[in-house]
Amino acid sequence: LKVLHDELLGRAGQERLRDEARAIARVQHPNVVAVFDVGEHGGRTY
């Protein structure tokens, strides 16, 4: 589970981490780490 850093809290940082998750989720391959889910908890994207 990857949790956003404190200093990146805010709309830009939250969306950037979501973009990272979306980027990995676009790739389904045994030699690429697979993403399962993206969400927010306590105002922090993960």
PDB file of all heavy atoms in Angstrom:
ATOM      1  N   LEU A   1       0.854  -1.185   0.000  1.00  0.00           N
ATOM      2  CA  LEU A   1       0.000   0.000   0.000  1.00  0.00           C
ATOM      3  C   LEU A   1       0.891   1.237   0.000  1.00  0.00           C
ATOM      4  O   LEU A   1       1.759   1.390   0.865  1.00  0.00           O
ATOM      5  CB  LEU A   1      -0.916  -0.018   1.229  1.00  0.00           C
ATOM      6  CG  LEU A   1      -1.986   1.067   1.340  1.00  0.00           C
ATOM      7  CD1 LEU A   1      -3.229   0.506   2.037  1.00  0.00           C
ATOM      8  CD2 LEU A   1      -1.480   2.286   2.106  1.00  0.00           C
ATOM      9  N   LYS A   2       0.699   2.092  -0.981  1.00  0.00           N
ATOM     10  CA  LYS A   2       1.499   3.308  -1.096  1.00  0.00           C
ATOM     11  C   LYS A   2       0.683   4.511  -0.652  1.00  0.00           C
ATOM     12  O   LYS A   2      -0.417   4.751  -1.145  1.00  0.00           O
ATOM     13  CB  LYS A   2       1.987   3.506  -2.535  1.00  0.00           C
ATOM     14  CG  LYS A   2       2.977   4.657  -2.684  1.00  0.00           C
ATOM     15  CD  LYS A   2       3.681   4.609  -4.035  1.00  0.00           C
ATOM     16  CE  LYS A   2       4.775   5.659  -4.129  1.00  0.00           C
ATOM     17  NZ  LYS A   2       5.539   5.556  -5.391  1.00  0.00           N
ATOM     18  N   VAL A   3       1.239   5.258   0.306  1.00  0.00           N
ATOM     19  CA  VAL A   3       0.548   6.398   0.907  1.00  0.00           C
ATOM     20  C   VAL A   3       1.300   7.681   0.581  1.00  0.00           C
ATOM     21  O   VAL A   3       2.529   7.744   0.682  1.00  0.00           O
ATOM     22  CB  VAL A   3       0.451   6.226   2.439  1.00  0.00           C
ATOM     23  CG1 VAL A   3      -0.311   7.393   3.055  1.00  0.00           C
ATOM     24  CG2 VAL A   3      -0.224   4.915   2.782  1.00  0.00           C
ATOM     25  N   LEU A   4       0.564   8.705   0.208  1.00  0.00           N
ATOM     26  CA  LEU A   4       1.152   9.985  -0.185  1.00  0.00           C
ATOM     27  C   LEU A   4       1.887  10.642   0.982  1.00  0.00           C
ATOM     28  O   LEU A   4       1.439  10.602   2.131  1.00  0.00           O
ATOM     29  CB  LEU A   4       0.044  10.920  -0.682  1.00  0.00           C
ATOM     30  CG  LEU A   4       0.472  12.212  -1.368  1.00  0.00           C
ATOM     31  CD1 LEU A   4       1.123  11.912  -2.703  1.00  0.00           C
ATOM     32  CD2 LEU A   4      -0.745  13.126  -1.564  1.00  0.00           C
ATOM     33  N   HIS A   5       3.036  11.262   0.677  1.00  0.00           N
ATOM     34  CA  HIS A   5       3.807  12.004   1.680  1.00  0.00           C
ATOM     35  C   HIS A   5       3.011  13.195   2.217  1.00  0.00           C
ATOM     36  O   HIS A   5       2.192  13.796   1.511  1.00  0.00           O
ATOM     37  CB  HIS A   5       5.092  12.551   1.061  1.00  0.00           C
ATOM     38  CG  HIS A   5       6.198  11.557   0.984  1.00  0.00           C
ATOM     39  ND1 HIS A   5       6.505  10.693   1.999  1.00  0.00           N
ATOM     40  CD2 HIS A   5       7.092  11.311  -0.013  1.00  0.00           C
ATOM     41  CE1 HIS A   5       7.549   9.958   1.645  1.00  0.00           C
ATOM     42  NE2 HIS A   5       7.914  10.297   0.421  1.00  0.00           N
ATOM     43  N   ASP A   6       3.309  13.576   3.445  1.00  0.00           N
ATOM     44  CA  ASP A   6       2.667  14.747   4.056  1.00  0.00           C
ATOM     45  C   ASP A   6       2.847  16.001   3.206  1.00  0.00           C
ATOM     46  O   ASP A   6       1.912  16.773   2.997  1.00  0.00           O
ATOM     47  CB  ASP A   6       3.275  15.010   5.441  1.00  0.00           C
ATOM     48  CG  ASP A   6       2.900  13.942   6.451  1.00  0.00           C
ATOM     49  OD1 ASP A   6       2.045  13.104   6.142  1.00  0.00           O
ATOM     50  OD2 ASP A   6       3.483  13.954   7.558  1.00  0.00           O
ATOM     51  N   GLU A   7       4.077  16.211   2.734  1.00  0.00           N
ATOM     52  CA  GLU A   7       4.361  17.466   2.039  1.00  0.00           C
ATOM     53  C   GLU A   7       3.676  17.566   0.678  1.00  0.00           C
ATOM     54  O   GLU A   7       3.659  18.631   0.074  1.00  0.00           O
ATOM     55  CB  GLU A   7       5.870  17.668   1.868  1.00  0.00           C
ATOM     56  CG  GLU A   7       6.578  16.544   1.142  1.00  0.00           C
ATOM     57  CD  GLU A   7       7.173  15.526   2.102  1.00  0.00           C
ATOM     58  OE1 GLU A   7       6.624  15.369   3.208  1.00  0.00           O
ATOM     59  OE2 GLU A   7       8.187  14.907   1.728  1.00  0.00           O
ATOM     60  N   LEU A   8       3.089  16.465   0.213  1.00  0.00           N
ATOM     61  CA  LEU A   8       2.393  16.476  -1.076  1.00  0.00           C
ATOM     62  C   LEU A   8       0.881  16.510  -0.919  1.00  0.00           C
ATOM     63  O   LEU A   8       0.150  16.423  -1.901  1.00  0.00           O
ATOM     64  CB  LEU A   8       2.810  15.256  -1.907  1.00  0.00           C
ATOM     65  CG  LEU A   8       4.286  15.227  -2.331  1.00  0.00           C
ATOM     66  CD1 LEU A   8       4.598  13.952  -3.106  1.00  0.00           C
ATOM     67  CD2 LEU A   8       4.646  16.444  -3.170  1.00  0.00           C
ATOM     68  N   LEU A   9       0.419  16.616   0.335  1.00  0.00           N
ATOM     69  CA  LEU A   9      -1.025  16.698   0.544  1.00  0.00           C
ATOM     70  C   LEU A   9      -1.577  17.946  -0.145  1.00  0.00           C
ATOM     71  O   LEU A   9      -0.965  19.002  -0.121  1.00  0.00           O
ATOM     72  CB  LEU A   9      -1.348  16.741   2.044  1.00  0.00           C
ATOM     73  CG  LEU A   9      -1.085  15.440   2.810  1.00  0.00           C
ATOM     74  CD1 LEU A   9      -1.340  15.639   4.296  1.00  0.00           C
ATOM     75  CD2 LEU A   9      -1.963  14.317   2.273  1.00  0.00           C
ATOM     76  N   GLY A  10      -2.736  17.815  -0.752  1.00  0.00           N
ATOM     77  CA  GLY A  10      -3.314  18.883  -1.551  1.00  0.00           C
ATOM     78  C   GLY A  10      -3.744  18.320  -2.891  1.00  0.00           C
ATOM     79  O   GLY A  10      -3.403  17.202  -3.261  1.00  0.00           O
ATOM     80  N   ARG A  11      -4.509  19.082  -3.625  1.00  0.00           N
ATOM     81  CA  ARG A  11      -5.107  18.573  -4.861  1.00  0.00           C
ATOM     82  C   ARG A  11      -4.055  18.089  -5.853  1.00  0.00           C
ATOM     83  O   ARG A  11      -4.186  17.021  -6.436  1.00  0.00           O
ATOM     84  CB  ARG A  11      -5.969  19.656  -5.502  1.00  0.00           C
ATOM     85  CG  ARG A  11      -6.622  19.212  -6.813  1.00  0.00           C
ATOM     86  CD  ARG A  11      -7.555  20.282  -7.355  1.00  0.00           C
ATOM     87  NE  ARG A  11      -8.637  20.558  -6.414  1.00  0.00           N
ATOM     88  CZ  ARG A  11      -9.570  21.498  -6.626  1.00  0.00           C
ATOM     89  NH1 ARG A  11      -9.516  22.250  -7.722  1.00  0.00           N
ATOM     90  NH2 ARG A  11     -10.520  21.690  -5.747  1.00  0.00           N
ATOM     91  N   ALA A  12      -2.988  18.872  -6.066  1.00  0.00           N
ATOM     92  CA  ALA A  12      -1.987  18.490  -7.071  1.00  0.00           C
ATOM     93  C   ALA A  12      -1.304  17.185  -6.693  1.00  0.00           C
ATOM     94  O   ALA A  12      -1.147  16.287  -7.527  1.00  0.00           O
ATOM     95  CB  ALA A  12      -0.962  19.615  -7.221  1.00  0.00           C
ATOM     96  N   GLY A  13      -0.878  17.061  -5.434  1.00  0.00           N
ATOM     97  CA  GLY A  13      -0.203  15.840  -5.008  1.00  0.00           C
ATOM     98  C   GLY A  13      -1.118  14.635  -5.034  1.00  0.00           C
ATOM     99  O   GLY A  13      -0.713  13.541  -5.459  1.00  0.00           O
ATOM    100  N   GLN A  14      -2.369  14.831  -4.591  1.00  0.00           N
ATOM    101  CA  GLN A  14      -3.325  13.731  -4.584  1.00  0.00           C
ATOM    102  C   GLN A  14      -3.545  13.200  -6.000  1.00  0.00           C
ATOM    103  O   GLN A  14      -3.559  11.987  -6.241  1.00  0.00           O
ATOM    104  CB  GLN A  14      -4.670  14.193  -4.003  1.00  0.00           C
ATOM    105  CG  GLN A  14      -4.605  14.841  -2.632  1.00  0.00           C
ATOM    106  CD  GLN A  14      -4.566  13.827  -1.500  1.00  0.00           C
ATOM    107  OE1 GLN A  14      -3.626  13.057  -1.399  1.00  0.00           O
ATOM    108  NE2 GLN A  14      -5.584  13.856  -0.661  1.00  0.00           N
ATOM    109  N   GLU A  15      -3.716  14.122  -6.925  1.00  0.00           N
ATOM    110  CA  GLU A  15      -3.973  13.709  -8.308  1.00  0.00           C
ATOM    111  C   GLU A  15      -2.740  13.074  -8.931  1.00  0.00           C
ATOM    112  O   GLU A  15      -2.842  12.154  -9.740  1.00  0.00           O
ATOM    113  CB  GLU A  15      -4.424  14.913  -9.147  1.00  0.00           C
ATOM    114  CG  GLU A  15      -4.952  14.557 -10.525  1.00  0.00           C
ATOM    115  CD  GLU A  15      -6.127  13.581 -10.482  1.00  0.00           C
ATOM    116  OE1 GLU A  15      -6.917  13.629  -9.514  1.00  0.00           O
ATOM    117  OE2 GLU A  15      -6.251  12.770 -11.429  1.00  0.00           O
ATOM    118  N   ARG A  16      -1.569  13.544  -8.542  1.00  0.00           N
ATOM    119  CA  ARG A  16      -0.342  12.973  -9.089  1.00  0.00           C
ATOM    120  C   ARG A  16      -0.196  11.510  -8.675  1.00  0.00           C
ATOM    121  O   ARG A  16       0.214  10.667  -9.480  1.00  0.00           O
ATOM    122  CB  ARG A  16       0.859  13.789  -8.617  1.00  0.00           C
ATOM    123  CG  ARG A  16       2.182  13.353  -9.239  1.00  0.00           C
ATOM    124  CD  ARG A  16       3.310  14.249  -8.788  1.00  0.00           C
ATOM    125  NE  ARG A  16       4.604  13.657  -9.079  1.00  0.00           N
ATOM    126  CZ  ARG A  16       5.744  14.070  -8.561  1.00  0.00           C
ATOM    127  NH1 ARG A  16       5.748  15.078  -7.710  1.00  0.00           N
ATOM    128  NH2 ARG A  16       6.879  13.479  -8.880  1.00  0.00           N
ATOM    129  N   LEU A  17      -0.523  11.189  -7.416  1.00  0.00           N
ATOM    130  CA  LEU A  17      -0.427   9.797  -6.985  1.00  0.00           C
ATOM    131  C   LEU A  17      -1.481   8.951  -7.705  1.00  0.00           C
ATOM    132  O   LEU A  17      -1.224   7.801  -8.066  1.00  0.00           O
ATOM    133  CB  LEU A  17      -0.596   9.683  -5.476  1.00  0.00           C
ATOM    134  CG  LEU A  17      -0.226   8.308  -4.902  1.00  0.00           C
ATOM    135  CD1 LEU A  17       1.269   8.042  -5.065  1.00  0.00           C
ATOM    136  CD2 LEU A  17      -0.615   8.189  -3.435  1.00  0.00           C
ATOM    137  N   ARG A  18      -2.664   9.518  -7.909  1.00  0.00           N
ATOM    138  CA  ARG A  18      -3.685   8.791  -8.671  1.00  0.00           C
ATOM    139  C   ARG A  18      -3.206   8.547 -10.107  1.00  0.00           C
ATOM    140  O   ARG A  18      -3.453   7.484 -10.677  1.00  0.00           O
ATOM    141  CB  ARG A  18      -5.003   9.566  -8.674  1.00  0.00           C
ATOM    142  CG  ARG A  18      -5.740   9.543  -7.335  1.00  0.00           C
ATOM    143  CD  ARG A  18      -7.043  10.322  -7.395  1.00  0.00           C
ATOM    144  NE  ARG A  18      -7.737  10.275  -6.131  1.00  0.00           N
ATOM    145  CZ  ARG A  18      -8.580   9.309  -5.764  1.00  0.00           C
ATOM    146  NH1 ARG A  18      -8.822   8.319  -6.607  1.00  0.00           N
ATOM    147  NH2 ARG A  18      -9.171   9.338  -4.596  1.00  0.00           N
ATOM    148  N   ASP A  19      -2.539   9.545 -10.679  1.00  0.00           N
ATOM    149  CA  ASP A  19      -2.006   9.371 -12.027  1.00  0.00           C
ATOM    150  C   ASP A  19      -0.998   8.223 -12.067  1.00  0.00           C
ATOM    151  O   ASP A  19      -0.939   7.454 -13.032  1.00  0.00           O
ATOM    152  CB  ASP A  19      -1.338  10.665 -12.513  1.00  0.00           C
ATOM    153  CG  ASP A  19      -2.330  11.739 -12.896  1.00  0.00           C
ATOM    154  OD1 ASP A  19      -3.525  11.408 -13.069  1.00  0.00           O
ATOM    155  OD2 ASP A  19      -1.926  12.913 -13.003  1.00  0.00           O
ATOM    156  N   GLU A  20      -0.175   8.133 -11.020  1.00  0.00           N
ATOM    157  CA  GLU A  20       0.794   7.033 -10.949  1.00  0.00           C
ATOM    158  C   GLU A  20       0.073   5.688 -10.939  1.00  0.00           C
ATOM    159  O   GLU A  20       0.449   4.756 -11.657  1.00  0.00           O
ATOM    160  CB  GLU A  20       1.660   7.174  -9.699  1.00  0.00           C
ATOM    161  CG  GLU A  20       2.666   6.044  -9.526  1.00  0.00           C
ATOM    162  CD  GLU A  20       3.525   6.211  -8.279  1.00  0.00           C
ATOM    163  OE1 GLU A  20       3.603   7.334  -7.753  1.00  0.00           O
ATOM    164  OE2 GLU A  20       4.122   5.216  -7.839  1.00  0.00           O
ATOM    165  N   ALA A  21      -0.978   5.586 -10.113  1.00  0.00           N
ATOM    166  CA  ALA A  21      -1.739   4.339 -10.044  1.00  0.00           C
ATOM    167  C   ALA A  21      -2.382   4.016 -11.390  1.00  0.00           C
ATOM    168  O   ALA A  21      -2.378   2.865 -11.840  1.00  0.00           O
ATOM    169  CB  ALA A  21      -2.808   4.433  -8.959  1.00  0.00           C
ATOM    170  N   ARG A  22      -2.935   5.041 -12.044  1.00  0.00           N
ATOM    171  CA  ARG A  22      -3.559   4.816 -13.350  1.00  0.00           C
ATOM    172  C   ARG A  22      -2.527   4.363 -14.375  1.00  0.00           C
ATOM    173  O   ARG A  22      -2.817   3.508 -15.224  1.00  0.00           O
ATOM    174  CB  ARG A  22      -4.227   6.097 -13.829  1.00  0.00           C
ATOM    175  CG  ARG A  22      -5.430   6.551 -12.991  1.00  0.00           C
ATOM    176  CD  ARG A  22      -6.115   7.736 -13.636  1.00  0.00           C
ATOM    177  NE  ARG A  22      -7.123   8.318 -12.774  1.00  0.00           N
ATOM    178  CZ  ARG A  22      -6.977   9.479 -12.126  1.00  0.00           C
ATOM    179  NH1 ARG A  22      -5.860  10.190 -12.279  1.00  0.00           N
ATOM    180  NH2 ARG A  22      -7.934   9.950 -11.357  1.00  0.00           N
ATOM    181  N   ALA A  23      -1.334   4.956 -14.300  1.00  0.00           N
ATOM    182  CA  ALA A  23      -0.289   4.579 -15.261  1.00  0.00           C
ATOM    183  C   ALA A  23       0.050   3.101 -15.122  1.00  0.00           C
ATOM    184  O   ALA A  23       0.125   2.367 -16.115  1.00  0.00           O
ATOM    185  CB  ALA A  23       0.952   5.438 -15.037  1.00  0.00           C
ATOM    186  N   ILE A  24       0.266   2.637 -13.885  1.00  0.00           N
ATOM    187  CA  ILE A  24       0.617   1.232 -13.685  1.00  0.00           C
ATOM    188  C   ILE A  24      -0.551   0.332 -14.076  1.00  0.00           C
ATOM    189  O   ILE A  24      -0.355  -0.741 -14.656  1.00  0.00           O
ATOM    190  CB  ILE A  24       1.027   0.979 -12.222  1.00  0.00           C
ATOM    191  CG1 ILE A  24       2.136   1.927 -11.792  1.00  0.00           C
ATOM    192  CG2 ILE A  24       1.497  -0.465 -12.036  1.00  0.00           C
ATOM    193  CD1 ILE A  24       2.512   1.839 -10.332  1.00  0.00           C
ATOM    194  N   ALA A  25      -1.779   0.777 -13.771  1.00  0.00           N
ATOM    195  CA  ALA A  25      -2.953  -0.045 -14.071  1.00  0.00           C
ATOM    196  C   ALA A  25      -3.164  -0.233 -15.567  1.00  0.00           C
ATOM    197  O   ALA A  25      -3.854  -1.171 -15.985  1.00  0.00           O
ATOM    198  CB  ALA A  25      -4.194   0.576 -13.434  1.00  0.00           C
ATOM    199  N   ARG A  26      -2.583   0.640 -16.388  1.00  0.00           N
ATOM    200  CA  ARG A  26      -2.715   0.494 -17.840  1.00  0.00           C
ATOM    201  C   ARG A  26      -1.929  -0.694 -18.370  1.00  0.00           C
ATOM    202  O   ARG A  26      -2.131  -1.123 -19.504  1.00  0.00           O
ATOM    203  CB  ARG A  26      -2.214   1.765 -18.545  1.00  0.00           C
ATOM    204  CG  ARG A  26      -3.113   2.962 -18.375  1.00  0.00           C
ATOM    205  CD  ARG A  26      -2.520   4.208 -18.997  1.00  0.00           C
ATOM    206  NE  ARG A  26      -2.392   4.113 -20.455  1.00  0.00           N
ATOM    207  CZ  ARG A  26      -2.133   5.148 -21.246  1.00  0.00           C
ATOM    208  NH1 ARG A  26      -1.968   6.350 -20.711  1.00  0.00           N
ATOM    209  NH2 ARG A  26      -2.035   4.996 -22.548  1.00  0.00           N
ATOM    210  N   VAL A  27      -1.020  -1.208 -17.558  1.00  0.00           N
ATOM    211  CA  VAL A  27      -0.116  -2.268 -18.007  1.00  0.00           C
ATOM    212  C   VAL A  27      -0.424  -3.551 -17.261  1.00  0.00           C
ATOM    213  O   VAL A  27      -0.367  -3.597 -16.035  1.00  0.00           O
ATOM    214  CB  VAL A  27       1.361  -1.884 -17.765  1.00  0.00           C
ATOM    215  CG1 VAL A  27       2.282  -2.913 -18.392  1.00  0.00           C
ATOM    216  CG2 VAL A  27       1.650  -0.489 -18.308  1.00  0.00           C
ATOM    217  N   GLN A  28      -0.780  -4.589 -17.980  1.00  0.00           N
ATOM    218  CA  GLN A  28      -1.000  -5.909 -17.401  1.00  0.00           C
ATOM    219  C   GLN A  28       0.079  -6.835 -17.939  1.00  0.00           C
ATOM    220  O   GLN A  28      -0.003  -7.309 -19.070  1.00  0.00           O
ATOM    221  CB  GLN A  28      -2.397  -6.433 -17.768  1.00  0.00           C
ATOM    222  CG  GLN A  28      -3.542  -5.543 -17.300  1.00  0.00           C
ATOM    223  CD  GLN A  28      -3.656  -5.474 -15.789  1.00  0.00           C
ATOM    224  OE1 GLN A  28      -3.473  -6.481 -15.105  1.00  0.00           O
ATOM    225  NE2 GLN A  28      -3.960  -4.296 -15.271  1.00  0.00           N
ATOM    226  N   HIS A  29       1.107  -7.055 -17.144  1.00  0.00           N
ATOM    227  CA  HIS A  29       2.222  -7.870 -17.611  1.00  0.00           C
ATOM    228  C   HIS A  29       2.921  -8.480 -16.408  1.00  0.00           C
ATOM    229  O   HIS A  29       3.065  -7.829 -15.363  1.00  0.00           O
ATOM    230  CB  HIS A  29       3.213  -7.011 -18.413  1.00  0.00           C
ATOM    231  CG  HIS A  29       4.218  -7.799 -19.181  1.00  0.00           C
ATOM    232  ND1 HIS A  29       5.397  -8.264 -18.617  1.00  0.00           N
ATOM    233  CD2 HIS A  29       4.234  -8.238 -20.470  1.00  0.00           C
ATOM    234  CE1 HIS A  29       6.079  -8.938 -19.514  1.00  0.00           C
ATOM    235  NE2 HIS A  29       5.401  -8.947 -20.652  1.00  0.00           N
ATOM    236  N   PRO A  30       3.370  -9.740 -16.501  1.00  0.00           N
ATOM    237  CA  PRO A  30       4.025 -10.379 -15.346  1.00  0.00           C
ATOM    238  C   PRO A  30       5.316  -9.722 -14.912  1.00  0.00           C
ATOM    239  O   PRO A  30       5.779  -9.955 -13.791  1.00  0.00           O
ATOM    240  CB  PRO A  30       4.271 -11.814 -15.835  1.00  0.00           C
ATOM    241  CG  PRO A  30       4.194 -11.758 -17.329  1.00  0.00           C
ATOM    242  CD  PRO A  30       3.207 -10.682 -17.622  1.00  0.00           C
ATOM    243  N   ASN A  31       5.924  -8.884 -15.778  1.00  0.00           N
ATOM    244  CA  ASN A  31       7.169  -8.212 -15.409  1.00  0.00           C
ATOM    245  C   ASN A  31       6.956  -6.750 -15.034  1.00  0.00           C
ATOM    246  O   ASN A  31       7.894  -5.948 -15.057  1.00  0.00           O
ATOM    247  CB  ASN A  31       8.193  -8.317 -16.540  1.00  0.00           C
ATOM    248  CG  ASN A  31       8.642  -9.741 -16.779  1.00  0.00           C
ATOM    249  OD1 ASN A  31       8.329 -10.335 -17.815  1.00  0.00           O
ATOM    250  ND2 ASN A  31       9.352 -10.323 -15.827  1.00  0.00           N
ATOM    251  N   VAL A  32       5.717  -6.403 -14.686  1.00  0.00           N
ATOM    252  CA  VAL A  32       5.382  -5.070 -14.191  1.00  0.00           C
ATOM    253  C   VAL A  32       4.541  -5.242 -12.934  1.00  0.00           C
ATOM    254  O   VAL A  32       3.613  -6.064 -12.913  1.00  0.00           O
ATOM    255  CB  VAL A  32       4.603  -4.242 -15.239  1.00  0.00           C
ATOM    256  CG1 VAL A  32       4.256  -2.858 -14.683  1.00  0.00           C
ATOM    257  CG2 VAL A  32       5.403  -4.109 -16.526  1.00  0.00           C
ATOM    258  N   VAL A  33       4.853  -4.499 -11.883  1.00  0.00           N
ATOM    259  CA  VAL A  33       4.100  -4.580 -10.636  1.00  0.00           C
ATOM    260  C   VAL A  33       2.641  -4.225 -10.911  1.00  0.00           C
ATOM    261  O   VAL A  33       2.345  -3.215 -11.556  1.00  0.00           O
ATOM    262  CB  VAL A  33       4.698  -3.638  -9.575  1.00  0.00           C
ATOM    263  CG1 VAL A  33       3.820  -3.589  -8.336  1.00  0.00           C
ATOM    264  CG2 VAL A  33       6.103  -4.079  -9.202  1.00  0.00           C
ATOM    265  N   ALA A  34       1.709  -5.034 -10.416  1.00  0.00           N
ATOM    266  CA  ALA A  34       0.279  -4.853 -10.691  1.00  0.00           C
ATOM    267  C   ALA A  34      -0.377  -3.958  -9.634  1.00  0.00           C
ATOM    268  O   ALA A  34      -0.064  -4.047  -8.440  1.00  0.00           O
ATOM    269  CB  ALA A  34      -0.423  -6.208 -10.708  1.00  0.00           C
ATOM    270  N   VAL A  35      -1.289  -3.094 -10.074  1.00  0.00           N
ATOM    271  CA  VAL A  35      -2.064  -2.234  -9.176  1.00  0.00           C
ATOM    272  C   VAL A  35      -3.450  -2.831  -8.992  1.00  0.00           C
ATOM    273  O   VAL A  35      -4.065  -3.326  -9.940  1.00  0.00           O
ATOM    274  CB  VAL A  35      -2.166  -0.804  -9.743  1.00  0.00           C
ATOM    275  CG1 VAL A  35      -3.322  -0.053  -9.120  1.00  0.00           C
ATOM    276  CG2 VAL A  35      -0.896  -0.045  -9.487  1.00  0.00           C
ATOM    277  N   PHE A  36      -3.966  -2.790  -7.741  1.00  0.00           N
ATOM    278  CA  PHE A  36      -5.272  -3.364  -7.437  1.00  0.00           C
ATOM    279  C   PHE A  36      -6.350  -2.305  -7.217  1.00  0.00           C
ATOM    280  O   PHE A  36      -7.475  -2.444  -7.679  1.00  0.00           O
ATOM    281  CB  PHE A  36      -5.189  -4.236  -6.176  1.00  0.00           C
ATOM    282  CG  PHE A  36      -4.206  -5.370  -6.271  1.00  0.00           C
ATOM    283  CD1 PHE A  36      -3.404  -5.701  -5.183  1.00  0.00           C
ATOM    284  CD2 PHE A  36      -4.067  -6.112  -7.435  1.00  0.00           C
ATOM    285  CE1 PHE A  36      -2.503  -6.746  -5.256  1.00  0.00           C
ATOM    286  CE2 PHE A  36      -3.157  -7.155  -7.521  1.00  0.00           C
ATOM    287  CZ  PHE A  36      -2.373  -7.476  -6.422  1.00  0.00           C
ATOM    288  N   ASP A  37      -6.010  -1.232  -6.491  1.00  0.00           N
ATOM    289  CA  ASP A  37      -7.051  -0.303  -6.053  1.00  0.00           C
ATOM    290  C   ASP A  37      -6.423   1.053  -5.761  1.00  0.00           C
ATOM    291  O   ASP A  37      -5.224   1.156  -5.481  1.00  0.00           O
ATOM    292  CB  ASP A  37      -7.721  -0.851  -4.780  1.00  0.00           C
ATOM    293  CG  ASP A  37      -8.924  -0.027  -4.351  1.00  0.00           C
ATOM    294  OD1 ASP A  37      -9.536   0.618  -5.220  1.00  0.00           O
ATOM    295  OD2 ASP A  37      -9.256  -0.040  -3.145  1.00  0.00           O
ATOM    296  N   VAL A  38      -7.231   2.107  -5.843  1.00  0.00           N
ATOM    297  CA  VAL A  38      -6.800   3.445  -5.463  1.00  0.00           C
ATOM    298  C   VAL A  38      -7.924   4.090  -4.674  1.00  0.00           C
ATOM    299  O   VAL A  38      -9.110   3.835  -4.930  1.00  0.00           O
ATOM    300  CB  VAL A  38      -6.436   4.297  -6.706  1.00  0.00           C
ATOM    301  CG1 VAL A  38      -7.651   4.531  -7.593  1.00  0.00           C
ATOM    302  CG2 VAL A  38      -5.808   5.625  -6.295  1.00  0.00           C
ATOM    303  N   GLY A  39      -7.583   4.868  -3.654  1.00  0.00           N
ATOM    304  CA  GLY A  39      -8.624   5.488  -2.841  1.00  0.00           C
ATOM    305  C   GLY A  39      -8.062   6.598  -1.981  1.00  0.00           C
ATOM    306  O   GLY A  39      -6.943   7.073  -2.174  1.00  0.00           O
ATOM    307  N   GLU A  40      -8.869   7.022  -1.008  1.00  0.00           N
ATOM    308  CA  GLU A  40      -8.469   8.097  -0.116  1.00  0.00           C
ATOM    309  C   GLU A  40      -8.897   7.737   1.293  1.00  0.00           C
ATOM    310  O   GLU A  40      -9.996   7.210   1.512  1.00  0.00           O
ATOM    311  CB  GLU A  40      -9.109   9.415  -0.561  1.00  0.00           C
ATOM    312  CG  GLU A  40      -8.603  10.627   0.202  1.00  0.00           C
ATOM    313  CD  GLU A  40      -9.149  11.936  -0.373  1.00  0.00           C
ATOM    314  OE1 GLU A  40      -9.023  12.138  -1.599  1.00  0.00           O
ATOM    315  OE2 GLU A  40      -9.704  12.728   0.419  1.00  0.00           O
ATOM    316  N   HIS A  41      -8.027   7.994   2.259  1.00  0.00           N
ATOM    317  CA  HIS A  41      -8.331   7.700   3.661  1.00  0.00           C
ATOM    318  C   HIS A  41      -7.805   8.844   4.508  1.00  0.00           C
ATOM    319  O   HIS A  41      -6.631   9.192   4.427  1.00  0.00           O
ATOM    320  CB  HIS A  41      -7.669   6.385   4.091  1.00  0.00           C
ATOM    321  CG  HIS A  41      -7.848   6.070   5.540  1.00  0.00           C
ATOM    322  ND1 HIS A  41      -9.036   5.591   6.048  1.00  0.00           N
ATOM    323  CD2 HIS A  41      -6.981   6.180   6.597  1.00  0.00           C
ATOM    324  CE1 HIS A  41      -8.896   5.399   7.347  1.00  0.00           C
ATOM    325  NE2 HIS A  41      -7.670   5.750   7.708  1.00  0.00           N
ATOM    326  N   GLY A  42      -8.697   9.451   5.297  1.00  0.00           N
ATOM    327  CA  GLY A  42      -8.284  10.564   6.139  1.00  0.00           C
ATOM    328  C   GLY A  42      -7.706  11.729   5.358  1.00  0.00           C
ATOM    329  O   GLY A  42      -6.808  12.415   5.842  1.00  0.00           O
ATOM    330  N   GLY A  43      -8.207  11.958   4.155  1.00  0.00           N
ATOM    331  CA  GLY A  43      -7.734  13.063   3.334  1.00  0.00           C
ATOM    332  C   GLY A  43      -6.407  12.802   2.651  1.00  0.00           C
ATOM    333  O   GLY A  43      -5.791  13.720   2.119  1.00  0.00           O
ATOM    334  N   ARG A  44      -5.974  11.523   2.631  1.00  0.00           N
ATOM    335  CA  ARG A  44      -4.682  11.187   2.049  1.00  0.00           C
ATOM    336  C   ARG A  44      -4.872  10.092   0.999  1.00  0.00           C
ATOM    337  O   ARG A  44      -5.425   9.031   1.289  1.00  0.00           O
ATOM    338  CB  ARG A  44      -3.731  10.704   3.146  1.00  0.00           C
ATOM    339  CG  ARG A  44      -2.276  10.586   2.722  1.00  0.00           C
ATOM    340  CD  ARG A  44      -1.467   9.962   3.855  1.00  0.00           C
ATOM    341  NE  ARG A  44      -1.533  10.753   5.075  1.00  0.00           N
ATOM    342  CZ  ARG A  44      -0.593  11.596   5.476  1.00  0.00           C
ATOM    343  NH1 ARG A  44       0.503  11.734   4.755  1.00  0.00           N
ATOM    344  NH2 ARG A  44      -0.718  12.279   6.584  1.00  0.00           N
ATOM    345  N   THR A  45      -4.399  10.337  -0.227  1.00  0.00           N
ATOM    346  CA  THR A  45      -4.532   9.364  -1.308  1.00  0.00           C
ATOM    347  C   THR A  45      -3.589   8.185  -1.084  1.00  0.00           C
ATOM    348  O   THR A  45      -2.481   8.343  -0.583  1.00  0.00           O
ATOM    349  CB  THR A  45      -4.225  10.019  -2.661  1.00  0.00           C
ATOM    350  OG1 THR A  45      -5.147  11.092  -2.873  1.00  0.00           O
ATOM    351  CG2 THR A  45      -4.357   9.031  -3.816  1.00  0.00           C
ATOM    352  N   TYR A  46      -4.063   7.014  -1.473  1.00  0.00           N
ATOM    353  CA  TYR A  46      -3.240   5.801  -1.410  1.00  0.00           C
ATOM    354  C   TYR A  46      -3.616   4.915  -2.586  1.00  0.00           C
ATOM    355  O   TYR A  46      -4.660   5.109  -3.225  1.00  0.00           O
ATOM    356  CB  TYR A  46      -3.467   5.029  -0.094  1.00  0.00           C
ATOM    357  CG  TYR A  46      -4.839   4.368  -0.029  1.00  0.00           C
ATOM    358  CD1 TYR A  46      -5.040   3.074  -0.509  1.00  0.00           C
ATOM    359  CD2 TYR A  46      -5.946   5.061   0.484  1.00  0.00           C
ATOM    360  CE1 TYR A  46      -6.291   2.483  -0.477  1.00  0.00           C
ATOM    361  CE2 TYR A  46      -7.194   4.478   0.513  1.00  0.00           C
ATOM    362  CZ  TYR A  46      -7.364   3.190   0.030  1.00  0.00           C
ATOM    363  OH  TYR A  46      -8.607   2.606   0.049  1.00  0.00           O
TER     364      TYR A  46
END
